[in-house]
């Protein structure tokens, strides 16, 4: 069931159980949707968001790391990472 607004179901690698319950989804359904997106483990994913349309947005930890490196590089702070 798609929510009326975006529903963050996994964030920083942690399953948000209350949000899953609110969206009427099980951890197994979340795992299944992530597999369909090509991710075998919760450990690979930084965030999973269920959109109001029923589509899923998945942001991997690798994508987040890449963005952090780009931002650090842009301000000359690569050594801080």
C-alpha atoms as a PDB file:
ATOM      1  CA  UNK A   1       0.000   0.000   0.000  1.00  0.00           C
ATOM      2  CA  UNK A   2       1.458   3.370  -1.009  1.00  0.00           C
ATOM      3  CA  UNK A   3       1.464   6.125   1.624  1.00  0.00           C
ATOM      4  CA  UNK A   4      -0.061   9.570   1.071  1.00  0.00           C
ATOM      5  CA  UNK A   5       3.424  11.077   1.433  1.00  0.00           C
ATOM      6  CA  UNK A   6       6.995   9.809   1.228  1.00  0.00           C
ATOM      7  CA  UNK A   7       7.725   7.173   3.832  1.00  0.00           C
ATOM      8  CA  UNK A   8      11.338   6.591   4.840  1.00  0.00           C
ATOM      9  CA  UNK A   9      11.580   2.869   5.629  1.00  0.00           C
ATOM     10  CA  UNK A  10      15.311   2.445   6.028  1.00  0.00           C
ATOM     11  CA  UNK A  11      17.756   5.175   7.001  1.00  0.00           C
ATOM     12  CA  UNK A  12      21.488   5.024   7.735  1.00  0.00           C
ATOM     13  CA  UNK A  13      21.293   1.254   7.307  1.00  0.00           C
ATOM     14  CA  UNK A  14      18.606   0.869   9.999  1.00  0.00           C
ATOM     15  CA  UNK A  15      15.104  -0.431   9.330  1.00  0.00           C
ATOM     16  CA  UNK A  16      12.534   2.050  10.647  1.00  0.00           C
ATOM     17  CA  UNK A  17      10.061  -0.425  12.099  1.00  0.00           C
ATOM     18  CA  UNK A  18       7.354   2.104  13.009  1.00  0.00           C
ATOM     19  CA  UNK A  19       7.394   3.506   9.481  1.00  0.00           C
ATOM     20  CA  UNK A  20       7.181  -0.012   8.037  1.00  0.00           C
ATOM     21  CA  UNK A  21       4.155  -0.709  10.220  1.00  0.00           C
ATOM     22  CA  UNK A  22       2.551   2.587   9.200  1.00  0.00           C
ATOM     23  CA  UNK A  23       3.054   1.672   5.539  1.00  0.00           C
ATOM     24  CA  UNK A  24       1.614  -1.812   6.271  1.00  0.00           C
ATOM     25  CA  UNK A  25       4.819  -3.519   5.108  1.00  0.00           C
ATOM     26  CA  UNK A  26       6.967  -6.243   6.603  1.00  0.00           C
ATOM     27  CA  UNK A  27      10.766  -6.347   6.757  1.00  0.00           C
ATOM     28  CA  UNK A  28      10.566  -9.228   4.260  1.00  0.00           C
ATOM     29  CA  UNK A  29       8.654  -7.032   1.789  1.00  0.00           C
ATOM     30  CA  UNK A  30      11.274  -4.285   2.207  1.00  0.00           C
ATOM     31  CA  UNK A  31      14.059  -6.830   1.625  1.00  0.00           C
ATOM     32  CA  UNK A  32      12.233  -8.107  -1.462  1.00  0.00           C
ATOM     33  CA  UNK A  33      11.859  -4.605  -2.912  1.00  0.00           C
ATOM     34  CA  UNK A  34      15.549  -3.896  -2.313  1.00  0.00           C
ATOM     35  CA  UNK A  35      16.480  -7.151  -4.087  1.00  0.00           C
ATOM     36  CA  UNK A  36      14.341  -6.086  -7.049  1.00  0.00           C
ATOM     37  CA  UNK A  37      16.415  -2.887  -7.141  1.00  0.00           C
ATOM     38  CA  UNK A  38      19.619  -4.965  -7.161  1.00  0.00           C
ATOM     39  CA  UNK A  39      20.608  -4.772  -3.502  1.00  0.00           C
ATOM     40  CA  UNK A  40      21.136  -8.056  -1.658  1.00  0.00           C
ATOM     41  CA  UNK A  41      21.518  -6.642   1.829  1.00  0.00           C
ATOM     42  CA  UNK A  42      20.311  -3.836   4.069  1.00  0.00           C
ATOM     43  CA  UNK A  43      24.027  -3.184   4.646  1.00  0.00           C
ATOM     44  CA  UNK A  44      24.383  -1.828   1.084  1.00  0.00           C
ATOM     45  CA  UNK A  45      21.589   0.705   1.463  1.00  0.00           C
ATOM     46  CA  UNK A  46      21.713   4.093   3.172  1.00  0.00           C
ATOM     47  CA  UNK A  47      18.033   4.913   2.651  1.00  0.00           C
ATOM     48  CA  UNK A  48      14.930   3.332   1.175  1.00  0.00           C
ATOM     49  CA  UNK A  49      11.900   5.520   0.593  1.00  0.00           C
ATOM     50  CA  UNK A  50       8.419   4.506  -0.486  1.00  0.00           C
ATOM     51  CA  UNK A  51       6.949   7.266  -2.660  1.00  0.00           C
ATOM     52  CA  UNK A  52       3.227   8.184  -2.709  1.00  0.00           C
ATOM     53  CA  UNK A  53       3.049   6.715  -6.217  1.00  0.00           C
ATOM     54  CA  UNK A  54       4.139   3.320  -4.866  1.00  0.00           C
ATOM     55  CA  UNK A  55       7.596   3.545  -6.451  1.00  0.00           C
ATOM     56  CA  UNK A  56      10.729   3.032  -4.400  1.00  0.00           C
ATOM     57  CA  UNK A  57      13.734   5.345  -4.087  1.00  0.00           C
ATOM     58  CA  UNK A  58      16.914   3.614  -2.931  1.00  0.00           C
ATOM     59  CA  UNK A  59      20.112   5.458  -2.019  1.00  0.00           C
ATOM     60  CA  UNK A  60      23.159   3.272  -1.515  1.00  0.00           C
ATOM     61  CA  UNK A  61      25.950   3.883   0.957  1.00  0.00           C
ATOM     62  CA  UNK A  62      28.308   4.092  -2.013  1.00  0.00           C
ATOM     63  CA  UNK A  63      26.293   6.938  -3.512  1.00  0.00           C
ATOM     64  CA  UNK A  64      26.394   8.836  -0.216  1.00  0.00           C
ATOM     65  CA  UNK A  65      30.152   8.296   0.104  1.00  0.00           C
ATOM     66  CA  UNK A  66      30.662   9.562  -3.451  1.00  0.00           C
ATOM     67  CA  UNK A  67      28.669  12.710  -2.734  1.00  0.00           C
ATOM     68  CA  UNK A  68      30.636  13.346   0.451  1.00  0.00           C
ATOM     69  CA  UNK A  69      33.927  12.980  -1.422  1.00  0.00           C
ATOM     70  CA  UNK A  70      32.748  15.361  -4.150  1.00  0.00           C
ATOM     71  CA  UNK A  71      31.643  17.939  -1.584  1.00  0.00           C
ATOM     72  CA  UNK A  72      34.892  17.646   0.378  1.00  0.00           C
ATOM     73  CA  UNK A  73      36.898  17.973  -2.806  1.00  0.00           C
ATOM     74  CA  UNK A  74      34.956  21.081  -3.826  1.00  0.00           C
ATOM     75  CA  UNK A  75      35.912  22.860  -0.598  1.00  0.00           C
ATOM     76  CA  UNK A  76      39.415  21.386  -0.301  1.00  0.00           C
ATOM     77  CA  UNK A  77      38.712  19.153   2.707  1.00  0.00           C
ATOM     78  CA  UNK A  78      39.471  15.700   1.334  1.00  0.00           C
ATOM     79  CA  UNK A  79      41.810  14.953   4.247  1.00  0.00           C
ATOM     80  CA  UNK A  80      38.919  15.311   6.712  1.00  0.00           C
ATOM     81  CA  UNK A  81      37.181  12.238   5.314  1.00  0.00           C
END
